[in-house]
Amino acid sequence: MKKFFLIAAAIIFLNGSTCAAEDLKFIDAMDDTGYYYDADSVDFQSDDVFSVRMAVIKAGLNRMYTYDVLITAADKTYEILSTKILSYDTRAVLETNNKRRPPQRYSSRSEFGQMVHLILYGN
């Protein structure tokens, strides 16, 4: 059942017009929650600083969360630049927040850490 939710979430996310993801990459999953990033949104500002759009799909809650994030790999920090909360089934935007948040640290084993590794080094 977990795989069904994640596959359905990826299909809906890839086909949706609300999110502009062109090259969605799977990061990780836990229960009915899937973590993805849009490879086409990666924008390097220097060797270890880049912005990227992430998506967290919580199929069981009927929610999709998208984040525009600034990553500083050398410091292992991320900064959320903006967020959107969408209804999973209709893709209606329920909430938008363009308030920039303070940088937070991430661990190498977290979804952020896995994503940074995928972006910088591939598989």
PDB file of N, CA and C in Angstrom:
ATOM      1  N   MET A   1       0.826  -1.190   0.000  1.00  0.00           N
ATOM      2  CA  MET A   1       0.000   0.000   0.000  1.00  0.00           C
ATOM      3  C   MET A   1       0.873   1.258   0.000  1.00  0.00           C
ATOM      4  N   LYS A   2       1.991   1.203   0.745  1.00  0.00           N
ATOM      5  CA  LYS A   2       2.905   2.345   0.805  1.00  0.00           C
ATOM      6  C   LYS A   2       3.413   2.691  -0.590  1.00  0.00           C
ATOM      7  N   LYS A   3       3.815   1.668  -1.347  1.00  0.00           N
ATOM      8  CA  LYS A   3       4.333   1.920  -2.692  1.00  0.00           C
ATOM      9  C   LYS A   3       3.243   2.494  -3.589  1.00  0.00           C
ATOM     10  N   PHE A   4       2.009   2.047  -3.433  1.00  0.00           N
ATOM     11  CA  PHE A   4       0.909   2.580  -4.233  1.00  0.00           C
ATOM     12  C   PHE A   4       0.753   4.080  -4.004  1.00  0.00           C
ATOM     13  N   PHE A   5       0.744   4.495  -2.724  1.00  0.00           N
ATOM     14  CA  PHE A   5       0.610   5.922  -2.413  1.00  0.00           C
ATOM     15  C   PHE A   5       1.752   6.728  -3.010  1.00  0.00           C
ATOM     16  N   LEU A   6       2.962   6.206  -2.888  1.00  0.00           N
ATOM     17  CA  LEU A   6       4.119   6.952  -3.397  1.00  0.00           C
ATOM     18  C   LEU A   6       4.125   7.029  -4.914  1.00  0.00           C
ATOM     19  N   ILE A   7       3.766   5.944  -5.583  1.00  0.00           N
ATOM     20  CA  ILE A   7       3.694   5.968  -7.049  1.00  0.00           C
ATOM     21  C   ILE A   7       2.589   6.910  -7.499  1.00  0.00           C
ATOM     22  N   ALA A   8       1.438   6.842  -6.850  1.00  0.00           N
ATOM     23  CA  ALA A   8       0.336   7.746  -7.196  1.00  0.00           C
ATOM     24  C   ALA A   8       0.734   9.194  -6.953  1.00  0.00           C
ATOM     25  N   ALA A   9       1.418   9.445  -5.860  1.00  0.00           N
ATOM     26  CA  ALA A   9       1.855  10.810  -5.564  1.00  0.00           C
ATOM     27  C   ALA A   9       2.819  11.318  -6.630  1.00  0.00           C
ATOM     28  N   ALA A  10       3.752  10.489  -7.042  1.00  0.00           N
ATOM     29  CA  ALA A  10       4.719  10.908  -8.069  1.00  0.00           C
ATOM     30  C   ALA A  10       4.026  11.179  -9.393  1.00  0.00           C
ATOM     31  N   ILE A  11       3.071  10.333  -9.776  1.00  0.00           N
ATOM     32  CA  ILE A  11       2.352  10.531 -11.040  1.00  0.00           C
ATOM     33  C   ILE A  11       1.565  11.834 -11.003  1.00  0.00           C
ATOM     34  N   ILE A  12       0.856  12.065  -9.929  1.00  0.00           N
ATOM     35  CA  ILE A  12       0.077  13.301  -9.819  1.00  0.00           C
ATOM     36  C   ILE A  12       1.004  14.506  -9.818  1.00  0.00           C
ATOM     37  N   PHE A  13       2.102  14.421  -9.085  1.00  0.00           N
ATOM     38  CA  PHE A  13       3.035  15.554  -9.025  1.00  0.00           C
ATOM     39  C   PHE A  13       3.643  15.831 -10.393  1.00  0.00           C
ATOM     40  N   LEU A  14       4.021  14.792 -11.112  1.00  0.00           N
ATOM     41  CA  LEU A  14       4.634  14.977 -12.427  1.00  0.00           C
ATOM     42  C   LEU A  14       3.660  15.535 -13.449  1.00  0.00           C
ATOM     43  N   ASN A  15       2.386  15.188 -13.328  1.00  0.00           N
ATOM     44  CA  ASN A  15       1.398  15.622 -14.308  1.00  0.00           C
ATOM     45  C   ASN A  15       0.696  16.918 -13.937  1.00  0.00           C
ATOM     46  N   GLY A  16       0.914  17.419 -12.736  1.00  0.00           N
ATOM     47  CA  GLY A  16       0.193  18.606 -12.281  1.00  0.00           C
ATOM     48  C   GLY A  16       0.693  19.879 -12.919  1.00  0.00           C
ATOM     49  N   SER A  17      -0.222  20.810 -13.129  1.00  0.00           N
ATOM     50  CA  SER A  17       0.161  22.098 -13.697  1.00  0.00           C
ATOM     51  C   SER A  17       0.492  23.120 -12.615  1.00  0.00           C
ATOM     52  N   THR A  18       0.075  22.857 -11.377  1.00  0.00           N
ATOM     53  CA  THR A  18       0.344  23.800 -10.300  1.00  0.00           C
ATOM     54  C   THR A  18       1.826  23.842  -9.963  1.00  0.00           C
ATOM     55  N   CYS A  19       2.477  22.695  -9.977  1.00  0.00           N
ATOM     56  CA  CYS A  19       3.904  22.623  -9.696  1.00  0.00           C
ATOM     57  C   CYS A  19       4.636  22.498 -11.015  1.00  0.00           C
ATOM     58  N   ALA A  20       5.681  23.269 -11.175  1.00  0.00           N
ATOM     59  CA  ALA A  20       6.387  23.320 -12.442  1.00  0.00           C
ATOM     60  C   ALA A  20       7.538  22.322 -12.503  1.00  0.00           C
ATOM     61  N   ALA A  21       7.447  21.223 -11.808  1.00  0.00           N
ATOM     62  CA  ALA A  21       8.529  20.247 -11.815  1.00  0.00           C
ATOM     63  C   ALA A  21       8.651  19.611 -13.183  1.00  0.00           C
ATOM     64  N   GLU A  22       9.844  19.666 -13.728  1.00  0.00           N
ATOM     65  CA  GLU A  22      10.107  19.084 -15.034  1.00  0.00           C
ATOM     66  C   GLU A  22      10.882  17.787 -14.922  1.00  0.00           C
ATOM     67  N   ASP A  23      11.727  17.669 -13.927  1.00  0.00           N
ATOM     68  CA  ASP A  23      12.574  16.496 -13.778  1.00  0.00           C
ATOM     69  C   ASP A  23      12.599  16.093 -12.310  1.00  0.00           C
ATOM     70  N   LEU A  24      11.510  15.498 -11.856  1.00  0.00           N
ATOM     71  CA  LEU A  24      11.338  15.147 -10.454  1.00  0.00           C
ATOM     72  C   LEU A  24      12.205  13.945 -10.098  1.00  0.00           C
ATOM     73  N   LYS A  25      12.977  14.079  -9.032  1.00  0.00           N
ATOM     74  CA  LYS A  25      13.857  13.011  -8.561  1.00  0.00           C
ATOM     75  C   LYS A  25      13.426  12.587  -7.166  1.00  0.00           C
ATOM     76  N   PHE A  26      13.339  11.280  -6.988  1.00  0.00           N
ATOM     77  CA  PHE A  26      12.962  10.700  -5.706  1.00  0.00           C
ATOM     78  C   PHE A  26      14.136  10.793  -4.735  1.00  0.00           C
ATOM     79  N   ILE A  27      13.858  11.208  -3.510  1.00  0.00           N
ATOM     80  CA  ILE A  27      14.893  11.268  -2.476  1.00  0.00           C
ATOM     81  C   ILE A  27      14.716  10.121  -1.490  1.00  0.00           C
ATOM     82  N   ASP A  28      13.521  10.025  -0.894  1.00  0.00           N
ATOM     83  CA  ASP A  28      13.297   9.054   0.167  1.00  0.00           C
ATOM     84  C   ASP A  28      11.801   8.943   0.423  1.00  0.00           C
ATOM     85  N   ALA A  29      11.416   7.935   1.186  1.00  0.00           N
ATOM     86  CA  ALA A  29      10.015   7.768   1.576  1.00  0.00           C
ATOM     87  C   ALA A  29       9.948   7.167   2.969  1.00  0.00           C
ATOM     88  N   MET A  30       8.880   7.520   3.657  1.00  0.00           N
ATOM     89  CA  MET A  30       8.602   6.944   4.966  1.00  0.00           C
ATOM     90  C   MET A  30       7.097   6.858   5.105  1.00  0.00           C
ATOM     91  N   ASP A  31       6.593   5.650   5.306  1.00  0.00           N
ATOM     92  CA  ASP A  31       5.156   5.407   5.363  1.00  0.00           C
ATOM     93  C   ASP A  31       4.496   5.974   4.104  1.00  0.00           C
ATOM     94  N   ASP A  32       3.523   6.881   4.241  1.00  0.00           N
ATOM     95  CA  ASP A  32       2.848   7.427   3.050  1.00  0.00           C
ATOM     96  C   ASP A  32       3.391   8.805   2.666  1.00  0.00           C
ATOM     97  N   THR A  33       4.619   9.113   3.088  1.00  0.00           N
ATOM     98  CA  THR A  33       5.241  10.399   2.778  1.00  0.00           C
ATOM     99  C   THR A  33       6.419  10.187   1.838  1.00  0.00           C
ATOM    100  N   GLY A  34       6.408  10.926   0.716  1.00  0.00           N
ATOM    101  CA  GLY A  34       7.501  10.848  -0.248  1.00  0.00           C
ATOM    102  C   GLY A  34       8.208  12.183  -0.360  1.00  0.00           C
ATOM    103  N   TYR A  35       9.516  12.135  -0.553  1.00  0.00           N
ATOM    104  CA  TYR A  35      10.356  13.329  -0.657  1.00  0.00           C
ATOM    105  C   TYR A  35      10.983  13.371  -2.047  1.00  0.00           C
ATOM    106  N   TYR A  36      10.872  14.518  -2.725  1.00  0.00           N
ATOM    107  CA  TYR A  36      11.346  14.678  -4.094  1.00  0.00           C
ATOM    108  C   TYR A  36      12.014  16.040  -4.254  1.00  0.00           C
ATOM    109  N   TYR A  37      12.830  16.167  -5.315  1.00  0.00           N
ATOM    110  CA  TYR A  37      13.320  17.490  -5.710  1.00  0.00           C
ATOM    111  C   TYR A  37      13.240  17.604  -7.219  1.00  0.00           C
ATOM    112  N   ASP A  38      13.091  18.831  -7.694  1.00  0.00           N
ATOM    113  CA  ASP A  38      13.009  19.112  -9.125  1.00  0.00           C
ATOM    114  C   ASP A  38      14.418  19.405  -9.628  1.00  0.00           C
ATOM    115  N   ALA A  39      15.001  18.458 -10.367  1.00  0.00           N
ATOM    116  CA  ALA A  39      16.373  18.617 -10.860  1.00  0.00           C
ATOM    117  C   ALA A  39      16.504  19.829 -11.775  1.00  0.00           C
ATOM    118  N   ASP A  40      15.437  20.186 -12.486  1.00  0.00           N
ATOM    119  CA  ASP A  40      15.492  21.355 -13.370  1.00  0.00           C
ATOM    120  C   ASP A  40      15.517  22.673 -12.601  1.00  0.00           C
ATOM    121  N   SER A  41      15.156  22.643 -11.327  1.00  0.00           N
ATOM    122  CA  SER A  41      15.129  23.884 -10.546  1.00  0.00           C
ATOM    123  C   SER A  41      16.467  24.181  -9.870  1.00  0.00           C
ATOM    124  N   VAL A  42      17.400  23.236  -9.920  1.00  0.00           N
ATOM    125  CA  VAL A  42      18.694  23.432  -9.254  1.00  0.00           C
ATOM    126  C   VAL A  42      19.434  24.586  -9.918  1.00  0.00           C
ATOM    127  N   ASP A  43      19.832  25.562  -9.101  1.00  0.00           N
ATOM    128  CA  ASP A  43      20.519  26.754  -9.607  1.00  0.00           C
ATOM    129  C   ASP A  43      21.724  27.040  -8.708  1.00  0.00           C
ATOM    130  N   PHE A  44      22.924  26.714  -9.216  1.00  0.00           N
ATOM    131  CA  PHE A  44      24.150  26.923  -8.439  1.00  0.00           C
ATOM    132  C   PHE A  44      24.529  28.395  -8.425  1.00  0.00           C
ATOM    133  N   GLN A  45      24.772  28.906  -7.219  1.00  0.00           N
ATOM    134  CA  GLN A  45      25.259  30.273  -7.054  1.00  0.00           C
ATOM    135  C   GLN A  45      26.769  30.275  -6.824  1.00  0.00           C
ATOM    136  N   SER A  46      27.290  29.150  -6.358  1.00  0.00           N
ATOM    137  CA  SER A  46      28.729  28.909  -6.216  1.00  0.00           C
ATOM    138  C   SER A  46      28.898  27.395  -6.161  1.00  0.00           C
ATOM    139  N   ASP A  47      30.111  26.921  -5.898  1.00  0.00           N
ATOM    140  CA  ASP A  47      30.350  25.476  -5.891  1.00  0.00           C
ATOM    141  C   ASP A  47      29.522  24.727  -4.856  1.00  0.00           C
ATOM    142  N   ASP A  48      29.238  25.365  -3.727  1.00  0.00           N
ATOM    143  CA  ASP A  48      28.507  24.659  -2.677  1.00  0.00           C
ATOM    144  C   ASP A  48      27.236  25.369  -2.220  1.00  0.00           C
ATOM    145  N   VAL A  49      26.811  26.392  -2.929  1.00  0.00           N
ATOM    146  CA  VAL A  49      25.565  27.095  -2.605  1.00  0.00           C
ATOM    147  C   VAL A  49      24.648  27.018  -3.818  1.00  0.00           C
ATOM    148  N   PHE A  50      23.432  26.501  -3.594  1.00  0.00           N
ATOM    149  CA  PHE A  50      22.482  26.390  -4.692  1.00  0.00           C
ATOM    150  C   PHE A  50      21.058  26.451  -4.169  1.00  0.00           C
ATOM    151  N   SER A  51      20.143  26.824  -5.049  1.00  0.00           N
ATOM    152  CA  SER A  51      18.718  26.806  -4.712  1.00  0.00           C
ATOM    153  C   SER A  51      18.081  25.623  -5.431  1.00  0.00           C
ATOM    154  N   VAL A  52      16.991  25.131  -4.873  1.00  0.00           N
ATOM    155  CA  VAL A  52      16.304  23.965  -5.426  1.00  0.00           C
ATOM    156  C   VAL A  52      14.860  23.969  -4.931  1.00  0.00           C
ATOM    157  N   ARG A  53      13.964  23.382  -5.711  1.00  0.00           N
ATOM    158  CA  ARG A  53      12.565  23.214  -5.299  1.00  0.00           C
ATOM    159  C   ARG A  53      12.378  21.770  -4.829  1.00  0.00           C
ATOM    160  N   MET A  54      11.863  21.626  -3.621  1.00  0.00           N
ATOM    161  CA  MET A  54      11.575  20.308  -3.050  1.00  0.00           C
ATOM    162  C   MET A  54      10.071  20.110  -2.947  1.00  0.00           C
ATOM    163  N   ALA A  55       9.670  18.850  -2.891  1.00  0.00           N
ATOM    164  CA  ALA A  55       8.262  18.527  -2.663  1.00  0.00           C
ATOM    165  C   ALA A  55       8.170  17.404  -1.639  1.00  0.00           C
ATOM    166  N   VAL A  56       7.255  17.557  -0.711  1.00  0.00           N
ATOM    167  CA  VAL A  56       6.934  16.514   0.252  1.00  0.00           C
ATOM    168  C   VAL A  56       5.472  16.177   0.026  1.00  0.00           C
ATOM    169  N   ILE A  57       5.212  14.927  -0.311  1.00  0.00           N
ATOM    170  CA  ILE A  57       3.847  14.497  -0.593  1.00  0.00           C
ATOM    171  C   ILE A  57       3.393  13.571   0.523  1.00  0.00           C
ATOM    172  N   LYS A  58       2.325  13.983   1.208  1.00  0.00           N
ATOM    173  CA  LYS A  58       1.728  13.188   2.276  1.00  0.00           C
ATOM    174  C   LYS A  58       0.376  12.697   1.772  1.00  0.00           C
ATOM    175  N   ALA A  59       0.410  11.568   1.085  1.00  0.00           N
ATOM    176  CA  ALA A  59      -0.787  11.049   0.435  1.00  0.00           C
ATOM    177  C   ALA A  59      -1.903  10.770   1.433  1.00  0.00           C
ATOM    178  N   GLY A  60      -1.566  10.248   2.602  1.00  0.00           N
ATOM    179  CA  GLY A  60      -2.579   9.923   3.600  1.00  0.00           C
ATOM    180  C   GLY A  60      -3.310  11.135   4.150  1.00  0.00           C
ATOM    181  N   LEU A  61      -2.685  12.305   4.086  1.00  0.00           N
ATOM    182  CA  LEU A  61      -3.299  13.547   4.563  1.00  0.00           C
ATOM    183  C   LEU A  61      -3.872  14.389   3.432  1.00  0.00           C
ATOM    184  N   ASN A  62      -3.720  13.900   2.192  1.00  0.00           N
ATOM    185  CA  ASN A  62      -4.192  14.634   1.020  1.00  0.00           C
ATOM    186  C   ASN A  62      -3.497  15.995   0.905  1.00  0.00           C
ATOM    187  N   ARG A  63      -2.180  16.023   1.148  1.00  0.00           N
ATOM    188  CA  ARG A  63      -1.430  17.275   1.096  1.00  0.00           C
ATOM    189  C   ARG A  63      -0.129  17.116   0.321  1.00  0.00           C
ATOM    190  N   MET A  64       0.233  18.200  -0.359  1.00  0.00           N
ATOM    191  CA  MET A  64       1.528  18.316  -1.012  1.00  0.00           C
ATOM    192  C   MET A  64       2.142  19.635  -0.553  1.00  0.00           C
ATOM    193  N   TYR A  65       3.374  19.576  -0.114  1.00  0.00           N
ATOM    194  CA  TYR A  65       4.092  20.753   0.363  1.00  0.00           C
ATOM    195  C   TYR A  65       5.264  20.995  -0.583  1.00  0.00           C
ATOM    196  N   THR A  66       5.369  22.188  -1.145  1.00  0.00           N
ATOM    197  CA  THR A  66       6.514  22.516  -1.988  1.00  0.00           C
ATOM    198  C   THR A  66       7.325  23.608  -1.307  1.00  0.00           C
ATOM    199  N   TYR A  67       8.626  23.492  -1.442  1.00  0.00           N
ATOM    200  CA  TYR A  67       9.557  24.408  -0.782  1.00  0.00           C
ATOM    201  C   TYR A  67      10.598  24.884  -1.785  1.00  0.00           C
ATOM    202  N   ASP A  68      10.828  26.179  -1.838  1.00  0.00           N
ATOM    203  CA  ASP A  68      11.988  26.718  -2.538  1.00  0.00           C
ATOM    204  C   ASP A  68      13.047  26.917  -1.463  1.00  0.00           C
ATOM    205  N   VAL A  69      14.200  26.262  -1.649  1.00  0.00           N
ATOM    206  CA  VAL A  69      15.198  26.158  -0.592  1.00  0.00           C
ATOM    207  C   VAL A  69      16.561  26.616  -1.096  1.00  0.00           C
ATOM    208  N   LEU A  70      17.318  27.280  -0.228  1.00  0.00           N
ATOM    209  CA  LEU A  70      18.704  27.649  -0.501  1.00  0.00           C
ATOM    210  C   LEU A  70      19.582  26.746   0.360  1.00  0.00           C
ATOM    211  N   ILE A  71      20.478  26.000  -0.280  1.00  0.00           N
ATOM    212  CA  ILE A  71      21.352  25.052   0.403  1.00  0.00           C
ATOM    213  C   ILE A  71      22.777  25.602   0.413  1.00  0.00           C
ATOM    214  N   THR A  72      23.424  25.548   1.565  1.00  0.00           N
ATOM    215  CA  THR A  72      24.858  25.824   1.665  1.00  0.00           C
ATOM    216  C   THR A  72      25.506  24.526   2.136  1.00  0.00           C
ATOM    217  N   ALA A  73      26.033  23.771   1.180  1.00  0.00           N
ATOM    218  CA  ALA A  73      26.531  22.425   1.464  1.00  0.00           C
ATOM    219  C   ALA A  73      27.712  22.427   2.431  1.00  0.00           C
ATOM    220  N   ALA A  74      28.630  23.369   2.300  1.00  0.00           N
ATOM    221  CA  ALA A  74      29.814  23.397   3.171  1.00  0.00           C
ATOM    222  C   ALA A  74      29.432  23.557   4.639  1.00  0.00           C
ATOM    223  N   ASP A  75      28.373  24.305   4.910  1.00  0.00           N
ATOM    224  CA  ASP A  75      27.909  24.524   6.286  1.00  0.00           C
ATOM    225  C   ASP A  75      26.826  23.534   6.703  1.00  0.00           C
ATOM    226  N   LYS A  76      26.367  22.701   5.759  1.00  0.00           N
ATOM    227  CA  LYS A  76      25.249  21.779   5.990  1.00  0.00           C
ATOM    228  C   LYS A  76      24.034  22.529   6.528  1.00  0.00           C
ATOM    229  N   THR A  77      23.674  23.619   5.818  1.00  0.00           N
ATOM    230  CA  THR A  77      22.494  24.384   6.205  1.00  0.00           C
ATOM    231  C   THR A  77      21.547  24.525   5.022  1.00  0.00           C
ATOM    232  N   TYR A  78      20.275  24.688   5.348  1.00  0.00           N
ATOM    233  CA  TYR A  78      19.254  24.999   4.349  1.00  0.00           C
ATOM    234  C   TYR A  78      18.444  26.177   4.857  1.00  0.00           C
ATOM    235  N   GLU A  79      17.930  26.931   3.921  1.00  0.00           N
ATOM    236  CA  GLU A  79      17.104  28.095   4.241  1.00  0.00           C
ATOM    237  C   GLU A  79      15.868  28.028   3.356  1.00  0.00           C
ATOM    238  N   ILE A  80      14.698  27.942   3.967  1.00  0.00           N
ATOM    239  CA  ILE A  80      13.457  27.904   3.198  1.00  0.00           C
ATOM    240  C   ILE A  80      13.121  29.323   2.763  1.00  0.00           C
ATOM    241  N   LEU A  81      12.994  29.503   1.444  1.00  0.00           N
ATOM    242  CA  LEU A  81      12.709  30.819   0.873  1.00  0.00           C
ATOM    243  C   LEU A  81      11.215  31.051   0.712  1.00  0.00           C
ATOM    244  N   SER A  82      10.472  29.991   0.372  1.00  0.00           N
ATOM    245  CA  SER A  82       9.015  30.089   0.232  1.00  0.00           C
ATOM    246  C   SER A  82       8.413  28.691   0.291  1.00  0.00           C
ATOM    247  N   THR A  83       7.126  28.635   0.624  1.00  0.00           N
ATOM    248  CA  THR A  83       6.421  27.355   0.703  1.00  0.00           C
ATOM    249  C   THR A  83       5.027  27.481   0.104  1.00  0.00           C
ATOM    250  N   LYS A  84       4.520  26.342  -0.346  1.00  0.00           N
ATOM    251  CA  LYS A  84       3.120  26.237  -0.761  1.00  0.00           C
ATOM    252  C   LYS A  84       2.567  24.945  -0.193  1.00  0.00           C
ATOM    253  N   ILE A  85       1.326  25.011   0.246  1.00  0.00           N
ATOM    254  CA  ILE A  85       0.600  23.821   0.659  1.00  0.00           C
ATOM    255  C   ILE A  85      -0.536  23.648  -0.329  1.00  0.00           C
ATOM    256  N   LEU A  86      -0.614  22.449  -0.897  1.00  0.00           N
ATOM    257  CA  LEU A  86      -1.634  22.173  -1.904  1.00  0.00           C
ATOM    258  C   LEU A  86      -2.495  21.003  -1.465  1.00  0.00           C
ATOM    259  N   SER A  87      -3.741  20.993  -1.921  1.00  0.00           N
ATOM    260  CA  SER A  87      -4.590  19.829  -1.764  1.00  0.00           C
ATOM    261  C   SER A  87      -4.049  18.766  -2.713  1.00  0.00           C
ATOM    262  N   TYR A  88      -3.812  17.589  -2.214  1.00  0.00           N
ATOM    263  CA  TYR A  88      -3.205  16.525  -3.009  1.00  0.00           C
ATOM    264  C   TYR A  88      -4.069  16.123  -4.201  1.00  0.00           C
ATOM    265  N   ASP A  89      -5.376  15.979  -3.976  1.00  0.00           N
ATOM    266  CA  ASP A  89      -6.232  15.470  -5.050  1.00  0.00           C
ATOM    267  C   ASP A  89      -6.633  16.521  -6.080  1.00  0.00           C
ATOM    268  N   THR A  90      -6.835  17.757  -5.676  1.00  0.00           N
ATOM    269  CA  THR A  90      -7.292  18.782  -6.629  1.00  0.00           C
ATOM    270  C   THR A  90      -6.180  19.717  -7.083  1.00  0.00           C
ATOM    271  N   ARG A  91      -5.058  19.702  -6.375  1.00  0.00           N
ATOM    272  CA  ARG A  91      -3.930  20.593  -6.653  1.00  0.00           C
ATOM    273  C   ARG A  91      -4.229  22.053  -6.357  1.00  0.00           C
ATOM    274  N   ALA A  92      -5.320  22.319  -5.679  1.00  0.00           N
ATOM    275  CA  ALA A  92      -5.639  23.693  -5.290  1.00  0.00           C
ATOM    276  C   ALA A  92      -4.621  24.168  -4.256  1.00  0.00           C
ATOM    277  N   VAL A  93      -4.124  25.379  -4.443  1.00  0.00           N
ATOM    278  CA  VAL A  93      -3.184  25.957  -3.483  1.00  0.00           C
ATOM    279  C   VAL A  93      -3.981  26.414  -2.266  1.00  0.00           C
ATOM    280  N   LEU A  94      -3.667  25.847  -1.113  1.00  0.00           N
ATOM    281  CA  LEU A  94      -4.372  26.165   0.121  1.00  0.00           C
ATOM    282  C   LEU A  94      -3.682  27.274   0.899  1.00  0.00           C
ATOM    283  N   GLU A  95      -2.368  27.346   0.753  1.00  0.00           N
ATOM    284  CA  GLU A  95      -1.609  28.346   1.505  1.00  0.00           C
ATOM    285  C   GLU A  95      -0.290  28.619   0.791  1.00  0.00           C
ATOM    286  N   THR A  96       0.105  29.878   0.777  1.00  0.00           N
ATOM    287  CA  THR A  96       1.403  30.286   0.232  1.00  0.00           C
ATOM    288  C   THR A  96       2.094  31.144   1.274  1.00  0.00           C
ATOM    289  N   ASN A  97       3.374  30.905   1.469  1.00  0.00           N
ATOM    290  CA  ASN A  97       4.144  31.700   2.419  1.00  0.00           C
ATOM    291  C   ASN A  97       5.473  32.062   1.765  1.00  0.00           C
ATOM    292  N   ASN A  98       5.679  33.341   1.489  1.00  0.00           N
ATOM    293  CA  ASN A  98       6.913  33.811   0.869  1.00  0.00           C
ATOM    294  C   ASN A  98       7.894  34.392   1.881  1.00  0.00           C
ATOM    295  N   LYS A  99       7.655  34.114   3.151  1.00  0.00           N
ATOM    296  CA  LYS A  99       8.546  34.615   4.199  1.00  0.00           C
ATOM    297  C   LYS A  99       9.785  33.722   4.284  1.00  0.00           C
ATOM    298  N   ARG A 100      10.927  34.332   4.145  1.00  0.00           N
ATOM    299  CA  ARG A 100      12.204  33.622   4.230  1.00  0.00           C
ATOM    300  C   ARG A 100      12.461  33.243   5.686  1.00  0.00           C
ATOM    301  N   ARG A 101      12.885  32.010   5.898  1.00  0.00           N
ATOM    302  CA  ARG A 101      13.140  31.533   7.253  1.00  0.00           C
ATOM    303  C   ARG A 101      14.641  31.481   7.531  1.00  0.00           C
ATOM    304  N   PRO A 102      15.037  31.561   8.785  1.00  0.00           N
ATOM    305  CA  PRO A 102      16.469  31.512   9.124  1.00  0.00           C
ATOM    306  C   PRO A 102      17.084  30.166   8.722  1.00  0.00           C
ATOM    307  N   PRO A 103      18.370  30.157   8.422  1.00  0.00           N
ATOM    308  CA  PRO A 103      19.042  28.896   8.068  1.00  0.00           C
ATOM    309  C   PRO A 103      18.955  27.877   9.201  1.00  0.00           C
ATOM    310  N   GLN A 104      18.806  26.617   8.811  1.00  0.00           N
ATOM    311  CA  GLN A 104      18.764  25.495   9.748  1.00  0.00           C
ATOM    312  C   GLN A 104      19.810  24.473   9.313  1.00  0.00           C
ATOM    313  N   ARG A 105      20.356  23.748  10.264  1.00  0.00           N
ATOM    314  CA  ARG A 105      21.324  22.701   9.934  1.00  0.00           C
ATOM    315  C   ARG A 105      20.591  21.420   9.542  1.00  0.00           C
ATOM    316  N   TYR A 106      21.239  20.631   8.699  1.00  0.00           N
ATOM    317  CA  TYR A 106      20.720  19.315   8.343  1.00  0.00           C
ATOM    318  C   TYR A 106      21.817  18.282   8.548  1.00  0.00           C
ATOM    319  N   SER A 107      21.416  17.035   8.766  1.00  0.00           N
ATOM    320  CA  SER A 107      22.397  15.954   8.900  1.00  0.00           C
ATOM    321  C   SER A 107      22.564  15.265   7.548  1.00  0.00           C
ATOM    322  N   SER A 108      23.663  14.584   7.383  1.00  0.00           N
ATOM    323  CA  SER A 108      23.935  13.884   6.124  1.00  0.00           C
ATOM    324  C   SER A 108      22.896  12.810   5.835  1.00  0.00           C
ATOM    325  N   ARG A 109      22.293  12.247   6.865  1.00  0.00           N
ATOM    326  CA  ARG A 109      21.313  11.166   6.688  1.00  0.00           C
ATOM    327  C   ARG A 109      19.882  11.664   6.494  1.00  0.00           C
ATOM    328  N   SER A 110      19.655  12.949   6.675  1.00  0.00           N
ATOM    329  CA  SER A 110      18.306  13.500   6.502  1.00  0.00           C
ATOM    330  C   SER A 110      17.954  13.578   5.021  1.00  0.00           C
ATOM    331  N   GLU A 111      16.691  13.890   4.730  1.00  0.00           N
ATOM    332  CA  GLU A 111      16.268  14.058   3.344  1.00  0.00           C
ATOM    333  C   GLU A 111      17.064  15.177   2.671  1.00  0.00           C
ATOM    334  N   PHE A 112      17.320  16.262   3.406  1.00  0.00           N
ATOM    335  CA  PHE A 112      18.132  17.346   2.850  1.00  0.00           C
ATOM    336  C   PHE A 112      19.538  16.842   2.529  1.00  0.00           C
ATOM    337  N   GLY A 113      20.131  16.106   3.454  1.00  0.00           N
ATOM    338  CA  GLY A 113      21.470  15.575   3.233  1.00  0.00           C
ATOM    339  C   GLY A 113      21.527  14.635   2.040  1.00  0.00           C
ATOM    340  N   GLN A 114      20.517  13.770   1.913  1.00  0.00           N
ATOM    341  CA  GLN A 114      20.456  12.858   0.773  1.00  0.00           C
ATOM    342  C   GLN A 114      20.300  13.626  -0.533  1.00  0.00           C
ATOM    343  N   MET A 115      19.459  14.650  -0.518  1.00  0.00           N
ATOM    344  CA  MET A 115      19.244  15.454  -1.717  1.00  0.00           C
ATOM    345  C   MET A 115      20.533  16.162  -2.123  1.00  0.00           C
ATOM    346  N   VAL A 116      21.223  16.765  -1.165  1.00  0.00           N
ATOM    347  CA  VAL A 116      22.476  17.464  -1.471  1.00  0.00           C
ATOM    348  C   VAL A 116      23.473  16.490  -2.086  1.00  0.00           C
ATOM    349  N   HIS A 117      23.571  15.304  -1.521  1.00  0.00           N
ATOM    350  CA  HIS A 117      24.485  14.298  -2.065  1.00  0.00           C
ATOM    351  C   HIS A 117      24.108  13.939  -3.506  1.00  0.00           C
ATOM    352  N   LEU A 118      22.820  13.734  -3.765  1.00  0.00           N
ATOM    353  CA  LEU A 118      22.373  13.415  -5.128  1.00  0.00           C
ATOM    354  C   LEU A 118      22.696  14.543  -6.103  1.00  0.00           C
ATOM    355  N   ILE A 119      22.477  15.772  -5.692  1.00  0.00           N
ATOM    356  CA  ILE A 119      22.720  16.914  -6.579  1.00  0.00           C
ATOM    357  C   ILE A 119      24.214  17.098  -6.844  1.00  0.00           C
ATOM    358  N   LEU A 120      25.027  16.997  -5.807  1.00  0.00           N
ATOM    359  CA  LEU A 120      26.460  17.251  -5.965  1.00  0.00           C
ATOM    360  C   LEU A 120      27.223  16.082  -6.579  1.00  0.00           C
ATOM    361  N   TYR A 121      26.800  14.844  -6.264  1.00  0.00           N
ATOM    362  CA  TYR A 121      27.599  13.682  -6.657  1.00  0.00           C
ATOM    363  C   TYR A 121      26.842  12.643  -7.480  1.00  0.00           C
ATOM    364  N   GLY A 122      25.561  12.855  -7.727  1.00  0.00           N
ATOM    365  CA  GLY A 122      24.771  11.841  -8.427  1.00  0.00           C
ATOM    366  C   GLY A 122      24.419  10.709  -7.485  1.00  0.00           C
ATOM    367  N   ASN A 123      24.100   9.549  -8.037  1.00  0.00           N
ATOM    368  CA  ASN A 123      23.702   8.402  -7.208  1.00  0.00           C
ATOM    369  C   ASN A 123      24.817   8.031  -6.284  1.00  0.00           C
TER     370      ASN A 123
END
